[in-house]
Amino acid sequence: MLKDKIKKWFEKKEERIENLSIFCIVIGTVLISLGLGLTIISTQGLPAILAMVGSFLVFIFSIVFLIANLVKP
């Protein structure tokens, strides 16, 4: 029973990685938009940090998504 669950988890691993990376790319895009929108009020502090963190998330998870699709076939 446990062996079957582990086997199923490893079979769906690629899909989980792809879905997680797409989700994190969307979250990063929202953070970039929020950070850039808040720079209208203030150009220092939290808006700049939000934009940088969002950019970092999008960059890292785009690479993860690319590698996951290259390894898949």
PDB file of N, CA and C in Angstrom:
ATOM      1  N   MET A   1       0.818  -1.191   0.000  1.00  0.00           N
ATOM      2  CA  MET A   1       0.000   0.000   0.000  1.00  0.00           C
ATOM      3  C   MET A   1       0.865   1.259   0.000  1.00  0.00           C
ATOM      4  N   LEU A   2       1.804   1.321   0.913  1.00  0.00           N
ATOM      5  CA  LEU A   2       2.691   2.468   0.961  1.00  0.00           C
ATOM      6  C   LEU A   2       3.577   2.519  -0.280  1.00  0.00           C
ATOM      7  N   LYS A   3       3.976   1.343  -0.741  1.00  0.00           N
ATOM      8  CA  LYS A   3       4.813   1.270  -1.935  1.00  0.00           C
ATOM      9  C   LYS A   3       4.074   1.824  -3.155  1.00  0.00           C
ATOM     10  N   ASP A   4       2.777   1.542  -3.255  1.00  0.00           N
ATOM     11  CA  ASP A   4       1.976   2.056  -4.368  1.00  0.00           C
ATOM     12  C   ASP A   4       1.842   3.572  -4.306  1.00  0.00           C
ATOM     13  N   LYS A   5       1.671   4.104  -3.092  1.00  0.00           N
ATOM     14  CA  LYS A   5       1.561   5.557  -2.938  1.00  0.00           C
ATOM     15  C   LYS A   5       2.855   6.250  -3.335  1.00  0.00           C
ATOM     16  N   ILE A   6       3.966   5.673  -2.928  1.00  0.00           N
ATOM     17  CA  ILE A   6       5.261   6.251  -3.291  1.00  0.00           C
ATOM     18  C   ILE A   6       5.464   6.184  -4.799  1.00  0.00           C
ATOM     19  N   LYS A   7       5.068   5.079  -5.394  1.00  0.00           N
ATOM     20  CA  LYS A   7       5.196   4.921  -6.846  1.00  0.00           C
ATOM     21  C   LYS A   7       4.359   5.965  -7.585  1.00  0.00           C
ATOM     22  N   LYS A   8       3.122   6.194  -7.124  1.00  0.00           N
ATOM     23  CA  LYS A   8       2.260   7.203  -7.750  1.00  0.00           C
ATOM     24  C   LYS A   8       2.839   8.596  -7.584  1.00  0.00           C
ATOM     25  N   TRP A   9       3.430   8.868  -6.405  1.00  0.00           N
ATOM     26  CA  TRP A   9       3.995  10.186  -6.174  1.00  0.00           C
ATOM     27  C   TRP A   9       5.144  10.455  -7.133  1.00  0.00           C
ATOM     28  N   PHE A  10       5.995   9.460  -7.364  1.00  0.00           N
ATOM     29  CA  PHE A  10       7.111   9.645  -8.281  1.00  0.00           C
ATOM     30  C   PHE A  10       6.654   9.737  -9.730  1.00  0.00           C
ATOM     31  N   GLU A  11       5.543   9.116 -10.071  1.00  0.00           N
ATOM     32  CA  GLU A  11       5.034   9.218 -11.435  1.00  0.00           C
ATOM     33  C   GLU A  11       4.518  10.622 -11.725  1.00  0.00           C
ATOM     34  N   LYS A  12       3.938  11.260 -10.738  1.00  0.00           N
ATOM     35  CA  LYS A  12       3.352  12.584 -10.935  1.00  0.00           C
ATOM     36  C   LYS A  12       4.310  13.706 -10.552  1.00  0.00           C
ATOM     37  N   LYS A  13       5.555  13.374 -10.279  1.00  0.00           N
ATOM     38  CA  LYS A  13       6.509  14.367  -9.813  1.00  0.00           C
ATOM     39  C   LYS A  13       6.722  15.479 -10.836  1.00  0.00           C
ATOM     40  N   GLU A  14       6.833  15.117 -12.115  1.00  0.00           N
ATOM     41  CA  GLU A  14       7.069  16.132 -13.141  1.00  0.00           C
ATOM     42  C   GLU A  14       5.903  17.108 -13.230  1.00  0.00           C
ATOM     43  N   GLU A  15       4.691  16.581 -13.154  1.00  0.00           N
ATOM     44  CA  GLU A  15       3.517  17.452 -13.213  1.00  0.00           C
ATOM     45  C   GLU A  15       3.457  18.374 -12.008  1.00  0.00           C
ATOM     46  N   ARG A  16       3.808  17.851 -10.850  1.00  0.00           N
ATOM     47  CA  ARG A  16       3.797  18.685  -9.647  1.00  0.00           C
ATOM     48  C   ARG A  16       4.821  19.801  -9.740  1.00  0.00           C
ATOM     49  N   ILE A  17       6.001  19.486 -10.250  1.00  0.00           N
ATOM     50  CA  ILE A  17       7.034  20.508 -10.398  1.00  0.00           C
ATOM     51  C   ILE A  17       6.580  21.572 -11.388  1.00  0.00           C
ATOM     52  N   GLU A  18       5.988  21.157 -12.501  1.00  0.00           N
ATOM     53  CA  GLU A  18       5.499  22.122 -13.486  1.00  0.00           C
ATOM     54  C   GLU A  18       4.402  23.003 -12.894  1.00  0.00           C
ATOM     55  N   ASN A  19       3.443  22.388 -12.204  1.00  0.00           N
ATOM     56  CA  ASN A  19       2.349  23.164 -11.625  1.00  0.00           C
ATOM     57  C   ASN A  19       2.844  24.120 -10.548  1.00  0.00           C
ATOM     58  N   LEU A  20       3.776  23.667  -9.715  1.00  0.00           N
ATOM     59  CA  LEU A  20       4.330  24.531  -8.680  1.00  0.00           C
ATOM     60  C   LEU A  20       5.092  25.698  -9.295  1.00  0.00           C
ATOM     61  N   SER A  21       5.859  25.431 -10.342  1.00  0.00           N
ATOM     62  CA  SER A  21       6.622  26.512 -10.965  1.00  0.00           C
ATOM     63  C   SER A  21       5.702  27.518 -11.649  1.00  0.00           C
ATOM     64  N   ILE A  22       4.642  27.050 -12.293  1.00  0.00           N
ATOM     65  CA  ILE A  22       3.684  27.979 -12.905  1.00  0.00           C
ATOM     66  C   ILE A  22       3.007  28.825 -11.833  1.00  0.00           C
ATOM     67  N   PHE A  23       2.619  28.191 -10.727  1.00  0.00           N
ATOM     68  CA  PHE A  23       1.987  28.920  -9.626  1.00  0.00           C
ATOM     69  C   PHE A  23       2.929  29.984  -9.058  1.00  0.00           C
ATOM     70  N   CYS A  24       4.197  29.637  -8.862  1.00  0.00           N
ATOM     71  CA  CYS A  24       5.156  30.600  -8.319  1.00  0.00           C
ATOM     72  C   CYS A  24       5.471  31.710  -9.317  1.00  0.00           C
ATOM     73  N   ILE A  25       5.443  31.411 -10.608  1.00  0.00           N
ATOM     74  CA  ILE A  25       5.631  32.460 -11.613  1.00  0.00           C
ATOM     75  C   ILE A  25       4.483  33.460 -11.549  1.00  0.00           C
ATOM     76  N   VAL A  26       3.262  32.962 -11.382  1.00  0.00           N
ATOM     77  CA  VAL A  26       2.101  33.856 -11.268  1.00  0.00           C
ATOM     78  C   VAL A  26       2.204  34.701 -10.000  1.00  0.00           C
ATOM     79  N   ILE A  27       2.584  34.092  -8.878  1.00  0.00           N
ATOM     80  CA  ILE A  27       2.745  34.832  -7.621  1.00  0.00           C
ATOM     81  C   ILE A  27       3.838  35.892  -7.771  1.00  0.00           C
ATOM     82  N   GLY A  28       4.934  35.539  -8.416  1.00  0.00           N
ATOM     83  CA  GLY A  28       6.005  36.503  -8.649  1.00  0.00           C
ATOM     84  C   GLY A  28       5.563  37.657  -9.523  1.00  0.00           C
ATOM     85  N   THR A  29       4.750  37.375 -10.525  1.00  0.00           N
ATOM     86  CA  THR A  29       4.227  38.430 -11.392  1.00  0.00           C
ATOM     87  C   THR A  29       3.323  39.377 -10.616  1.00  0.00           C
ATOM     88  N   VAL A  30       2.516  38.813  -9.727  1.00  0.00           N
ATOM     89  CA  VAL A  30       1.653  39.651  -8.885  1.00  0.00           C
ATOM     90  C   VAL A  30       2.505  40.527  -7.969  1.00  0.00           C
ATOM     91  N   LEU A  31       3.570  39.971  -7.403  1.00  0.00           N
ATOM     92  CA  LEU A  31       4.448  40.760  -6.536  1.00  0.00           C
ATOM     93  C   LEU A  31       5.152  41.873  -7.310  1.00  0.00           C
ATOM     94  N   ILE A  32       5.590  41.579  -8.529  1.00  0.00           N
ATOM     95  CA  ILE A  32       6.215  42.623  -9.353  1.00  0.00           C
ATOM     96  C   ILE A  32       5.217  43.741  -9.621  1.00  0.00           C
ATOM     97  N   SER A  33       4.009  43.380 -10.006  1.00  0.00           N
ATOM     98  CA  SER A  33       2.990  44.385 -10.309  1.00  0.00           C
ATOM     99  C   SER A  33       2.649  45.212  -9.081  1.00  0.00           C
ATOM    100  N   LEU A  34       2.520  44.545  -7.950  1.00  0.00           N
ATOM    101  CA  LEU A  34       2.211  45.255  -6.709  1.00  0.00           C
ATOM    102  C   LEU A  34       3.351  46.189  -6.319  1.00  0.00           C
ATOM    103  N   GLY A  35       4.581  45.699  -6.431  1.00  0.00           N
ATOM    104  CA  GLY A  35       5.733  46.533  -6.096  1.00  0.00           C
ATOM    105  C   GLY A  35       5.870  47.729  -7.016  1.00  0.00           C
ATOM    106  N   LEU A  36       5.676  47.517  -8.317  1.00  0.00           N
ATOM    107  CA  LEU A  36       5.771  48.637  -9.255  1.00  0.00           C
ATOM    108  C   LEU A  36       4.621  49.619  -9.072  1.00  0.00           C
ATOM    109  N   GLY A  37       3.450  49.102  -8.739  1.00  0.00           N
ATOM    110  CA  GLY A  37       2.316  49.990  -8.482  1.00  0.00           C
ATOM    111  C   GLY A  37       2.509  50.822  -7.231  1.00  0.00           C
ATOM    112  N   LEU A  38       3.101  50.239  -6.214  1.00  0.00           N
ATOM    113  CA  LEU A  38       3.324  50.971  -4.966  1.00  0.00           C
ATOM    114  C   LEU A  38       4.475  51.964  -5.058  1.00  0.00           C
ATOM    115  N   THR A  39       5.311  51.861  -6.089  1.00  0.00           N
ATOM    116  CA  THR A  39       6.390  52.839  -6.229  1.00  0.00           C
ATOM    117  C   THR A  39       5.857  54.217  -6.583  1.00  0.00           C
ATOM    118  N   ILE A  40       4.590  54.301  -6.964  1.00  0.00           N
ATOM    119  CA  ILE A  40       3.974  55.611  -7.189  1.00  0.00           C
ATOM    120  C   ILE A  40       3.928  56.384  -5.876  1.00  0.00           C
ATOM    121  N   ILE A  41       3.655  55.667  -4.786  1.00  0.00           N
ATOM    122  CA  ILE A  41       3.567  56.303  -3.471  1.00  0.00           C
ATOM    123  C   ILE A  41       4.957  56.554  -2.898  1.00  0.00           C
ATOM    124  N   SER A  42       5.792  55.537  -2.911  1.00  0.00           N
ATOM    125  CA  SER A  42       7.133  55.644  -2.343  1.00  0.00           C
ATOM    126  C   SER A  42       8.081  54.788  -3.169  1.00  0.00           C
ATOM    127  N   THR A  43       9.266  55.323  -3.432  1.00  0.00           N
ATOM    128  CA  THR A  43      10.228  54.575  -4.240  1.00  0.00           C
ATOM    129  C   THR A  43      11.210  53.786  -3.387  1.00  0.00           C
ATOM    130  N   GLN A  44      11.097  53.895  -2.076  1.00  0.00           N
ATOM    131  CA  GLN A  44      12.014  53.190  -1.186  1.00  0.00           C
ATOM    132  C   GLN A  44      11.241  52.227  -0.302  1.00  0.00           C
ATOM    133  N   GLY A  45      11.951  51.271   0.244  1.00  0.00           N
ATOM    134  CA  GLY A  45      11.356  50.373   1.223  1.00  0.00           C
ATOM    135  C   GLY A  45      10.604  49.203   0.624  1.00  0.00           C
ATOM    136  N   LEU A  46       9.397  48.971   1.143  1.00  0.00           N
ATOM    137  CA  LEU A  46       8.608  47.793   0.791  1.00  0.00           C
ATOM    138  C   LEU A  46       8.302  47.661  -0.703  1.00  0.00           C
ATOM    139  N   PRO A  47       7.926  48.718  -1.416  1.00  0.00           N
ATOM    140  CA  PRO A  47       7.655  48.541  -2.856  1.00  0.00           C
ATOM    141  C   PRO A  47       8.865  48.034  -3.645  1.00  0.00           C
ATOM    142  N   ALA A  48      10.027  48.546  -3.321  1.00  0.00           N
ATOM    143  CA  ALA A  48      11.236  48.095  -4.018  1.00  0.00           C
ATOM    144  C   ALA A  48      11.546  46.640  -3.679  1.00  0.00           C
ATOM    145  N   ILE A  49      11.353  46.278  -2.421  1.00  0.00           N
ATOM    146  CA  ILE A  49      11.601  44.899  -2.002  1.00  0.00           C
ATOM    147  C   ILE A  49      10.617  43.949  -2.679  1.00  0.00           C
ATOM    148  N   LEU A  50       9.339  44.331  -2.749  1.00  0.00           N
ATOM    149  CA  LEU A  50       8.337  43.490  -3.410  1.00  0.00           C
ATOM    150  C   LEU A  50       8.683  43.268  -4.879  1.00  0.00           C
ATOM    151  N   ALA A  51       9.085  44.324  -5.558  1.00  0.00           N
ATOM    152  CA  ALA A  51       9.431  44.200  -6.973  1.00  0.00           C
ATOM    153  C   ALA A  51      10.655  43.299  -7.161  1.00  0.00           C
ATOM    154  N   MET A  52      11.650  43.441  -6.283  1.00  0.00           N
ATOM    155  CA  MET A  52      12.854  42.612  -6.407  1.00  0.00           C
ATOM    156  C   MET A  52      12.569  41.148  -6.094  1.00  0.00           C
ATOM    157  N   VAL A  53      11.787  40.891  -5.049  1.00  0.00           N
ATOM    158  CA  VAL A  53      11.449  39.510  -4.693  1.00  0.00           C
ATOM    159  C   VAL A  53      10.614  38.869  -5.801  1.00  0.00           C
ATOM    160  N   GLY A  54       9.676  39.629  -6.357  1.00  0.00           N
ATOM    161  CA  GLY A  54       8.866  39.113  -7.456  1.00  0.00           C
ATOM    162  C   GLY A  54       9.701  38.784  -8.675  1.00  0.00           C
ATOM    163  N   SER A  55      10.642  39.648  -8.995  1.00  0.00           N
ATOM    164  CA  SER A  55      11.528  39.390 -10.134  1.00  0.00           C
ATOM    165  C   SER A  55      12.376  38.149  -9.897  1.00  0.00           C
ATOM    166  N   PHE A  56      12.865  38.002  -8.681  1.00  0.00           N
ATOM    167  CA  PHE A  56      13.673  36.831  -8.339  1.00  0.00           C
ATOM    168  C   PHE A  56      12.858  35.549  -8.462  1.00  0.00           C
ATOM    169  N   LEU A  57      11.630  35.561  -7.948  1.00  0.00           N
ATOM    170  CA  LEU A  57      10.771  34.376  -8.036  1.00  0.00           C
ATOM    171  C   LEU A  57      10.490  33.993  -9.482  1.00  0.00           C
ATOM    172  N   VAL A  58      10.155  34.981 -10.293  1.00  0.00           N
ATOM    173  CA  VAL A  58       9.859  34.700 -11.699  1.00  0.00           C
ATOM    174  C   VAL A  58      11.091  34.140 -12.401  1.00  0.00           C
ATOM    175  N   PHE A  59      12.245  34.709 -12.132  1.00  0.00           N
ATOM    176  CA  PHE A  59      13.476  34.238 -12.769  1.00  0.00           C
ATOM    177  C   PHE A  59      13.799  32.799 -12.372  1.00  0.00           C
ATOM    178  N   ILE A  60      13.806  32.525 -11.074  1.00  0.00           N
ATOM    179  CA  ILE A  60      14.174  31.193 -10.586  1.00  0.00           C
ATOM    180  C   ILE A  60      13.189  30.133 -11.068  1.00  0.00           C
ATOM    181  N   PHE A  61      11.891  30.405 -10.950  1.00  0.00           N
ATOM    182  CA  PHE A  61      10.924  29.381 -11.315  1.00  0.00           C
ATOM    183  C   PHE A  61      10.737  29.264 -12.823  1.00  0.00           C
ATOM    184  N   SER A  62      11.131  30.269 -13.589  1.00  0.00           N
ATOM    185  CA  SER A  62      11.173  30.101 -15.043  1.00  0.00           C
ATOM    186  C   SER A  62      12.271  29.116 -15.427  1.00  0.00           C
ATOM    187  N   ILE A  63      13.403  29.214 -14.740  1.00  0.00           N
ATOM    188  CA  ILE A  63      14.488  28.266 -14.988  1.00  0.00           C
ATOM    189  C   ILE A  63      14.071  26.858 -14.564  1.00  0.00           C
ATOM    190  N   VAL A  64      13.396  26.743 -13.408  1.00  0.00           N
ATOM    191  CA  VAL A  64      12.916  25.435 -12.944  1.00  0.00           C
ATOM    192  C   VAL A  64      11.938  24.846 -13.955  1.00  0.00           C
ATOM    193  N   PHE A  65      11.031  25.671 -14.468  1.00  0.00           N
ATOM    194  CA  PHE A  65      10.055  25.204 -15.453  1.00  0.00           C
ATOM    195  C   PHE A  65      10.746  24.743 -16.733  1.00  0.00           C
ATOM    196  N   LEU A  66      11.741  25.494 -17.169  1.00  0.00           N
ATOM    197  CA  LEU A  66      12.485  25.131 -18.371  1.00  0.00           C
ATOM    198  C   LEU A  66      13.225  23.808 -18.183  1.00  0.00           C
ATOM    199  N   ILE A  67      13.899  23.652 -17.059  1.00  0.00           N
ATOM    200  CA  ILE A  67      14.630  22.411 -16.793  1.00  0.00           C
ATOM    201  C   ILE A  67      13.672  21.231 -16.676  1.00  0.00           C
ATOM    202  N   ALA A  68      12.529  21.448 -16.023  1.00  0.00           N
ATOM    203  CA  ALA A  68      11.549  20.363 -15.877  1.00  0.00           C
ATOM    204  C   ALA A  68      11.040  19.906 -17.240  1.00  0.00           C
ATOM    205  N   ASN A  69      10.851  20.838 -18.160  1.00  0.00           N
ATOM    206  CA  ASN A  69      10.379  20.455 -19.491  1.00  0.00           C
ATOM    207  C   ASN A  69      11.481  19.831 -20.341  1.00  0.00           C
ATOM    208  N   LEU A  70      12.723  20.185 -20.093  1.00  0.00           N
ATOM    209  CA  LEU A  70      13.822  19.565 -20.833  1.00  0.00           C
ATOM    210  C   LEU A  70      14.097  18.146 -20.349  1.00  0.00           C
ATOM    211  N   VAL A  71      13.915  17.904 -19.061  1.00  0.00           N
ATOM    212  CA  VAL A  71      14.180  16.589 -18.491  1.00  0.00           C
ATOM    213  C   VAL A  71      13.028  15.631 -18.760  1.00  0.00           C
ATOM    214  N   LYS A  72      11.829  16.150 -18.930  1.00  0.00           N
ATOM    215  CA  LYS A  72      10.615  15.337 -19.064  1.00  0.00           C
ATOM    216  C   LYS A  72      10.670  14.298 -20.193  1.00  0.00           C
ATOM    217  N   PRO A  73      11.069  14.654 -21.426  1.00  0.00           N
ATOM    218  CA  PRO A  73      11.053  13.628 -22.479  1.00  0.00           C
ATOM    219  C   PRO A  73      12.142  12.621 -22.237  1.00  0.00           C
TER     220      PRO A  73
END
